[in-house]
Amino acid sequence: GAYAIGGMSAFIPNRRDPEVTARAAEKVTAD
């Protein structure tokens, strides 16, 4: 009856770089 909480994907977006942000979103989505 306990909650299972997942971990942190290390990928983060960069608001100045759309390509980095898209890659982070893709990695985090899969995770």
All heavy atoms as atom14 arrays in JSON, in Angstrom:
{
  "sequence": "GAYAIGGMSAFIPNRRDPEVTARAAEKVTAD",
  "atom14_mask": [
    [1, 1, 1, 1, 0, 0, 0, 0, 0, 0, 0, 0, 0, 0],
    [1, 1, 1, 1, 1, 0, 0, 0, 0, 0, 0, 0, 0, 0],
    [1, 1, 1, 1, 1, 1, 1, 1, 1, 1, 1, 1, 0, 0],
    [1, 1, 1, 1, 1, 0, 0, 0, 0, 0, 0, 0, 0, 0],
    [1, 1, 1, 1, 1, 1, 1, 1, 0, 0, 0, 0, 0, 0],
    [1, 1, 1, 1, 0, 0, 0, 0, 0, 0, 0, 0, 0, 0],
    [1, 1, 1, 1, 0, 0, 0, 0, 0, 0, 0, 0, 0, 0],
    [1, 1, 1, 1, 1, 1, 1, 1, 0, 0, 0, 0, 0, 0],
    [1, 1, 1, 1, 1, 1, 0, 0, 0, 0, 0, 0, 0, 0],
    [1, 1, 1, 1, 1, 0, 0, 0, 0, 0, 0, 0, 0, 0],
    [1, 1, 1, 1, 1, 1, 1, 1, 1, 1, 1, 0, 0, 0],
    [1, 1, 1, 1, 1, 1, 1, 1, 0, 0, 0, 0, 0, 0],
    [1, 1, 1, 1, 1, 1, 1, 0, 0, 0, 0, 0, 0, 0],
    [1, 1, 1, 1, 1, 1, 1, 1, 0, 0, 0, 0, 0, 0],
    [1, 1, 1, 1, 1, 1, 1, 1, 1, 1, 1, 0, 0, 0],
    [1, 1, 1, 1, 1, 1, 1, 1, 1, 1, 1, 0, 0, 0],
    [1, 1, 1, 1, 1, 1, 1, 1, 0, 0, 0, 0, 0, 0],
    [1, 1, 1, 1, 1, 1, 1, 0, 0, 0, 0, 0, 0, 0],
    [1, 1, 1, 1, 1, 1, 1, 1, 1, 0, 0, 0, 0, 0],
    [1, 1, 1, 1, 1, 1, 1, 0, 0, 0, 0, 0, 0, 0],
    [1, 1, 1, 1, 1, 1, 1, 0, 0, 0, 0, 0, 0, 0],
    [1, 1, 1, 1, 1, 0, 0, 0, 0, 0, 0, 0, 0, 0],
    [1, 1, 1, 1, 1, 1, 1, 1, 1, 1, 1, 0, 0, 0],
    [1, 1, 1, 1, 1, 0, 0, 0, 0, 0, 0, 0, 0, 0],
    [1, 1, 1, 1, 1, 0, 0, 0, 0, 0, 0, 0, 0, 0],
    [1, 1, 1, 1, 1, 1, 1, 1, 1, 0, 0, 0, 0, 0],
    [1, 1, 1, 1, 1, 1, 1, 1, 1, 0, 0, 0, 0, 0],
    [1, 1, 1, 1, 1, 1, 1, 0, 0, 0, 0, 0, 0, 0],
    [1, 1, 1, 1, 1, 1, 1, 0, 0, 0, 0, 0, 0, 0],
    [1, 1, 1, 1, 1, 0, 0, 0, 0, 0, 0, 0, 0, 0],
    [1, 1, 1, 1, 1, 1, 1, 1, 0, 0, 0, 0, 0, 0]
  ],
  "atom14_positions": [
    [[0.79, -1.22, 0.0], [0.0, 0.0, 0.0], [0.82, 1.27, 0.0], [0.32, 2.34, 0.38], [0.0, 0.0, 0.0], [0.0, 0.0, 0.0], [0.0, 0.0, 0.0], [0.0, 0.0, 0.0], [0.0, 0.0, 0.0], [0.0, 0.0, 0.0], [0.0, 0.0, 0.0], [0.0, 0.0, 0.0], [0.0, 0.0, 0.0], [0.0, 0.0, 0.0]],
    [[2.06, 1.18, -0.43], [2.97, 2.34, -0.47], [3.09, 2.86, -1.89], [2.94, 2.12, -2.86], [4.35, 1.94, 0.07], [0.0, 0.0, 0.0], [0.0, 0.0, 0.0], [0.0, 0.0, 0.0], [0.0, 0.0, 0.0], [0.0, 0.0, 0.0], [0.0, 0.0, 0.0], [0.0, 0.0, 0.0], [0.0, 0.0, 0.0], [0.0, 0.0, 0.0]],
    [[3.38, 4.14, -2.0], [3.6, 4.76, -3.31], [5.01, 4.43, -3.79], [5.97, 4.44, -3.01], [3.46, 6.27, -3.21], [2.05, 6.79, -3.12], [1.16, 6.3, -2.18], [1.6, 7.79, -3.97], [-0.14, 6.78, -2.09], [0.31, 8.3, -3.89], [-0.55, 7.79, -2.94], [-1.84, 8.26, -2.84], [0.0, 0.0, 0.0], [0.0, 0.0, 0.0]],
    [[5.12, 4.21, -5.1], [6.43, 4.04, -5.75], [6.69, 5.28, -6.59], [5.93, 5.57, -7.53], [6.44, 2.79, -6.62], [0.0, 0.0, 0.0], [0.0, 0.0, 0.0], [0.0, 0.0, 0.0], [0.0, 0.0, 0.0], [0.0, 0.0, 0.0], [0.0, 0.0, 0.0], [0.0, 0.0, 0.0], [0.0, 0.0, 0.0], [0.0, 0.0, 0.0]],
    [[7.74, 6.02, -6.27], [8.06, 7.27, -6.95], [9.31, 7.07, -7.79], [10.33, 6.59, -7.3], [8.26, 8.41, -5.95], [7.06, 8.52, -5.0], [8.49, 9.73, -6.68], [5.74, 8.82, -5.67], [0.0, 0.0, 0.0], [0.0, 0.0, 0.0], [0.0, 0.0, 0.0], [0.0, 0.0, 0.0], [0.0, 0.0, 0.0], [0.0, 0.0, 0.0]],
    [[9.22, 7.45, -9.05], [10.34, 7.28, -9.97], [11.42, 8.33, -9.77], [11.29, 9.26, -8.96], [0.0, 0.0, 0.0], [0.0, 0.0, 0.0], [0.0, 0.0, 0.0], [0.0, 0.0, 0.0], [0.0, 0.0, 0.0], [0.0, 0.0, 0.0], [0.0, 0.0, 0.0], [0.0, 0.0, 0.0], [0.0, 0.0, 0.0], [0.0, 0.0, 0.0]],
    [[12.49, 8.18, -10.53], [13.67, 9.03, -10.35], [13.74, 10.17, -11.34], [12.81, 10.43, -12.11], [0.0, 0.0, 0.0], [0.0, 0.0, 0.0], [0.0, 0.0, 0.0], [0.0, 0.0, 0.0], [0.0, 0.0, 0.0], [0.0, 0.0, 0.0], [0.0, 0.0, 0.0], [0.0, 0.0, 0.0], [0.0, 0.0, 0.0], [0.0, 0.0, 0.0]],
    [[14.85, 10.84, -11.32], [15.03, 12.05, -12.12], [15.9, 11.77, -13.34], [17.04, 11.34, -13.21], [15.69, 13.16, -11.29], [15.77, 14.49, -12.01], [16.62, 15.73, -11.04], [18.33, 15.21, -11.21], [0.0, 0.0, 0.0], [0.0, 0.0, 0.0], [0.0, 0.0, 0.0], [0.0, 0.0, 0.0], [0.0, 0.0, 0.0], [0.0, 0.0, 0.0]],
    [[15.33, 11.99, -14.51], [16.14, 12.01, -15.72], [16.99, 13.28, -15.69], [16.49, 14.35, -15.36], [15.25, 11.99, -16.96], [16.02, 12.14, -18.13], [0.0, 0.0, 0.0], [0.0, 0.0, 0.0], [0.0, 0.0, 0.0], [0.0, 0.0, 0.0], [0.0, 0.0, 0.0], [0.0, 0.0, 0.0], [0.0, 0.0, 0.0], [0.0, 0.0, 0.0]],
    [[18.26, 13.15, -16.04], [19.16, 14.29, -15.9], [19.03, 15.31, -17.03], [19.54, 16.42, -16.92], [20.61, 13.8, -15.84], [0.0, 0.0, 0.0], [0.0, 0.0, 0.0], [0.0, 0.0, 0.0], [0.0, 0.0, 0.0], [0.0, 0.0, 0.0], [0.0, 0.0, 0.0], [0.0, 0.0, 0.0], [0.0, 0.0, 0.0], [0.0, 0.0, 0.0]],
    [[18.34, 14.95, -18.11], [18.23, 15.86, -19.25], [17.35, 17.06, -18.9], [16.28, 16.91, -18.31], [17.65, 15.14, -20.46], [18.54, 14.05, -20.99], [18.39, 12.75, -20.54], [19.53, 14.34, -21.91], [19.23, 11.75, -21.01], [20.37, 13.34, -22.38], [20.22, 12.04, -21.93], [0.0, 0.0, 0.0], [0.0, 0.0, 0.0], [0.0, 0.0, 0.0]],
    [[17.81, 18.25, -19.27], [17.05, 19.47, -18.98], [16.98, 20.32, -20.25], [17.86, 20.26, -21.11], [17.68, 20.28, -17.84], [19.16, 20.58, -18.11], [17.49, 19.57, -16.5], [19.79, 21.51, -17.09], [0.0, 0.0, 0.0], [0.0, 0.0, 0.0], [0.0, 0.0, 0.0], [0.0, 0.0, 0.0], [0.0, 0.0, 0.0], [0.0, 0.0, 0.0]],
    [[15.91, 21.12, -20.38], [15.78, 21.98, -21.55], [16.68, 23.2, -21.46], [17.21, 23.53, -20.4], [14.3, 22.39, -21.52], [13.94, 22.33, -20.07], [14.76, 21.21, -19.48], [0.0, 0.0, 0.0], [0.0, 0.0, 0.0], [0.0, 0.0, 0.0], [0.0, 0.0, 0.0], [0.0, 0.0, 0.0], [0.0, 0.0, 0.0], [0.0, 0.0, 0.0]],
    [[16.83, 23.85, -22.6], [17.57, 25.11, -22.68], [16.69, 26.07, -23.46], [16.48, 25.89, -24.65], [18.92, 24.9, -23.37], [19.77, 26.16, -23.4], [19.25, 27.27, -23.39], [21.09, 25.99, -23.42], [0.0, 0.0, 0.0], [0.0, 0.0, 0.0], [0.0, 0.0, 0.0], [0.0, 0.0, 0.0], [0.0, 0.0, 0.0], [0.0, 0.0, 0.0]],
    [[16.17, 27.06, -22.76], [15.21, 27.96, -23.4], [15.82, 28.77, -24.54], [15.08, 29.36, -25.34], [14.6, 28.89, -22.34], [13.71, 28.15, -21.35], [13.26, 29.0, -20.19], [12.36, 28.26, -19.3], [11.96, 28.69, -18.12], [12.37, 29.88, -17.67], [11.14, 27.95, -17.38], [0.0, 0.0, 0.0], [0.0, 0.0, 0.0], [0.0, 0.0, 0.0]],
    [[17.14, 28.78, -24.64], [17.8, 29.51, -25.72], [18.19, 28.58, -26.88], [18.72, 29.05, -27.88], [19.05, 30.22, -25.2], [18.75, 31.32, -24.18], [20.02, 32.03, -23.74], [20.94, 31.12, -23.06], [20.87, 30.81, -21.78], [19.9, 31.32, -21.03], [21.74, 29.99, -21.23], [0.0, 0.0, 0.0], [0.0, 0.0, 0.0], [0.0, 0.0, 0.0]],
    [[17.93, 27.29, -26.73], [18.34, 26.33, -27.76], [17.22, 25.33, -27.99], [17.09, 24.34, -27.26], [19.62, 25.61, -27.29], [20.26, 24.79, -28.41], [19.52, 24.28, -29.28], [21.5, 24.62, -28.39], [0.0, 0.0, 0.0], [0.0, 0.0, 0.0], [0.0, 0.0, 0.0], [0.0, 0.0, 0.0], [0.0, 0.0, 0.0], [0.0, 0.0, 0.0]],
    [[16.38, 25.56, -29.01], [15.24, 24.67, -29.26], [15.64, 23.22, -29.52], [14.91, 22.3, -29.15], [14.58, 25.29, -30.5], [15.03, 26.72, -30.5], [16.4, 26.71, -29.92], [0.0, 0.0, 0.0], [0.0, 0.0, 0.0], [0.0, 0.0, 0.0], [0.0, 0.0, 0.0], [0.0, 0.0, 0.0], [0.0, 0.0, 0.0], [0.0, 0.0, 0.0]],
    [[16.79, 23.01, -30.13], [17.23, 21.64, -30.41], [17.54, 20.88, -29.12], [17.14, 19.72, -28.96], [18.47, 21.66, -31.32], [18.93, 20.27, -31.74], [20.12, 20.33, -32.68], [20.29, 21.35, -33.39], [20.89, 19.34, -32.7], [0.0, 0.0, 0.0], [0.0, 0.0, 0.0], [0.0, 0.0, 0.0], [0.0, 0.0, 0.0], [0.0, 0.0, 0.0]],
    [[18.22, 21.53, -28.2], [18.49, 20.91, -26.9], [17.19, 20.63, -26.16], [17.01, 19.57, -25.57], [19.42, 21.82, -26.06], [19.47, 21.35, -24.61], [20.82, 21.85, -26.66], [0.0, 0.0, 0.0], [0.0, 0.0, 0.0], [0.0, 0.0, 0.0], [0.0, 0.0, 0.0], [0.0, 0.0, 0.0], [0.0, 0.0, 0.0], [0.0, 0.0, 0.0]],
    [[16.28, 21.58, -26.22], [15.0, 21.42, -25.53], [14.21, 20.26, -26.11], [13.62, 19.45, -25.38], [14.19, 22.72, -25.62], [14.9, 23.75, -24.93], [12.81, 22.55, -25.0], [0.0, 0.0, 0.0], [0.0, 0.0, 0.0], [0.0, 0.0, 0.0], [0.0, 0.0, 0.0], [0.0, 0.0, 0.0], [0.0, 0.0, 0.0], [0.0, 0.0, 0.0]],
    [[14.2, 20.14, -27.43], [13.48, 19.04, -28.07], [14.09, 17.7, -27.69], [13.37, 16.71, -27.43], [13.48, 19.23, -29.58], [0.0, 0.0, 0.0], [0.0, 0.0, 0.0], [0.0, 0.0, 0.0], [0.0, 0.0, 0.0], [0.0, 0.0, 0.0], [0.0, 0.0, 0.0], [0.0, 0.0, 0.0], [0.0, 0.0, 0.0], [0.0, 0.0, 0.0]],
    [[15.42, 17.64, -27.64], [16.09, 16.39, -27.28], [15.79, 16.02, -25.82], [15.54, 14.85, -25.49], [17.59, 16.51, -27.5], [18.34, 15.2, -27.28], [19.73, 15.23, -27.91], [20.58, 16.27, -27.35], [20.97, 17.36, -28.01], [20.57, 17.56, -29.26], [21.76, 18.26, -27.44], [0.0, 0.0, 0.0], [0.0, 0.0, 0.0], [0.0, 0.0, 0.0]],
    [[15.8, 17.02, -24.93], [15.48, 16.76, -23.53], [14.05, 16.25, -23.39], [13.79, 15.29, -22.65], [15.67, 18.03, -22.7], [0.0, 0.0, 0.0], [0.0, 0.0, 0.0], [0.0, 0.0, 0.0], [0.0, 0.0, 0.0], [0.0, 0.0, 0.0], [0.0, 0.0, 0.0], [0.0, 0.0, 0.0], [0.0, 0.0, 0.0], [0.0, 0.0, 0.0]],
    [[13.11, 16.87, -24.11], [11.72, 16.44, -24.03], [11.56, 15.01, -24.53], [10.81, 14.22, -23.94], [10.84, 17.39, -24.85], [0.0, 0.0, 0.0], [0.0, 0.0, 0.0], [0.0, 0.0, 0.0], [0.0, 0.0, 0.0], [0.0, 0.0, 0.0], [0.0, 0.0, 0.0], [0.0, 0.0, 0.0], [0.0, 0.0, 0.0], [0.0, 0.0, 0.0]],
    [[12.28, 14.66, -25.57], [12.22, 13.29, -26.11], [12.75, 12.28, -25.1], [12.13, 11.23, -24.86], [13.02, 13.21, -27.41], [13.06, 11.84, -28.04], [13.96, 11.78, -29.27], [14.5, 12.84, -29.67], [14.15, 10.68, -29.82], [0.0, 0.0, 0.0], [0.0, 0.0, 0.0], [0.0, 0.0, 0.0], [0.0, 0.0, 0.0], [0.0, 0.0, 0.0]],
    [[13.88, 12.6, -24.48], [14.48, 11.68, -23.51], [13.6, 11.54, -22.27], [13.39, 10.43, -21.75], [15.86, 12.18, -23.1], [16.9, 12.18, -24.21], [17.43, 10.79, -24.47], [18.63, 10.84, -25.42], [19.14, 9.47, -25.71], [0.0, 0.0, 0.0], [0.0, 0.0, 0.0], [0.0, 0.0, 0.0], [0.0, 0.0, 0.0], [0.0, 0.0, 0.0]],
    [[13.09, 12.66, -21.78], [12.27, 12.62, -20.57], [10.95, 11.93, -20.85], [10.44, 11.16, -20.01], [12.07, 14.05, -20.02], [11.06, 14.05, -18.88], [13.41, 14.62, -19.55], [0.0, 0.0, 0.0], [0.0, 0.0, 0.0], [0.0, 0.0, 0.0], [0.0, 0.0, 0.0], [0.0, 0.0, 0.0], [0.0, 0.0, 0.0], [0.0, 0.0, 0.0]],
    [[10.37, 12.14, -22.02], [9.12, 11.46, -22.39], [9.3, 9.95, -22.33], [8.48, 9.22, -21.74], [8.67, 11.88, -23.79], [8.32, 13.27, -23.77], [7.47, 11.07, -24.24], [0.0, 0.0, 0.0], [0.0, 0.0, 0.0], [0.0, 0.0, 0.0], [0.0, 0.0, 0.0], [0.0, 0.0, 0.0], [0.0, 0.0, 0.0], [0.0, 0.0, 0.0]],
    [[10.36, 9.46, -22.93], [10.61, 8.01, -22.92], [10.82, 7.49, -21.51], [10.31, 6.43, -21.14], [11.82, 7.69, -23.8], [0.0, 0.0, 0.0], [0.0, 0.0, 0.0], [0.0, 0.0, 0.0], [0.0, 0.0, 0.0], [0.0, 0.0, 0.0], [0.0, 0.0, 0.0], [0.0, 0.0, 0.0], [0.0, 0.0, 0.0], [0.0, 0.0, 0.0]],
    [[11.55, 8.24, -20.71], [11.84, 7.82, -19.34], [10.56, 7.76, -18.51], [10.31, 6.79, -17.78], [12.84, 8.8, -18.72], [13.3, 8.38, -17.34], [13.89, 7.3, -17.21], [13.07, 9.15, -16.38], [0.0, 0.0, 0.0], [0.0, 0.0, 0.0], [0.0, 0.0, 0.0], [0.0, 0.0, 0.0], [0.0, 0.0, 0.0], [0.0, 0.0, 0.0]]
  ]
}
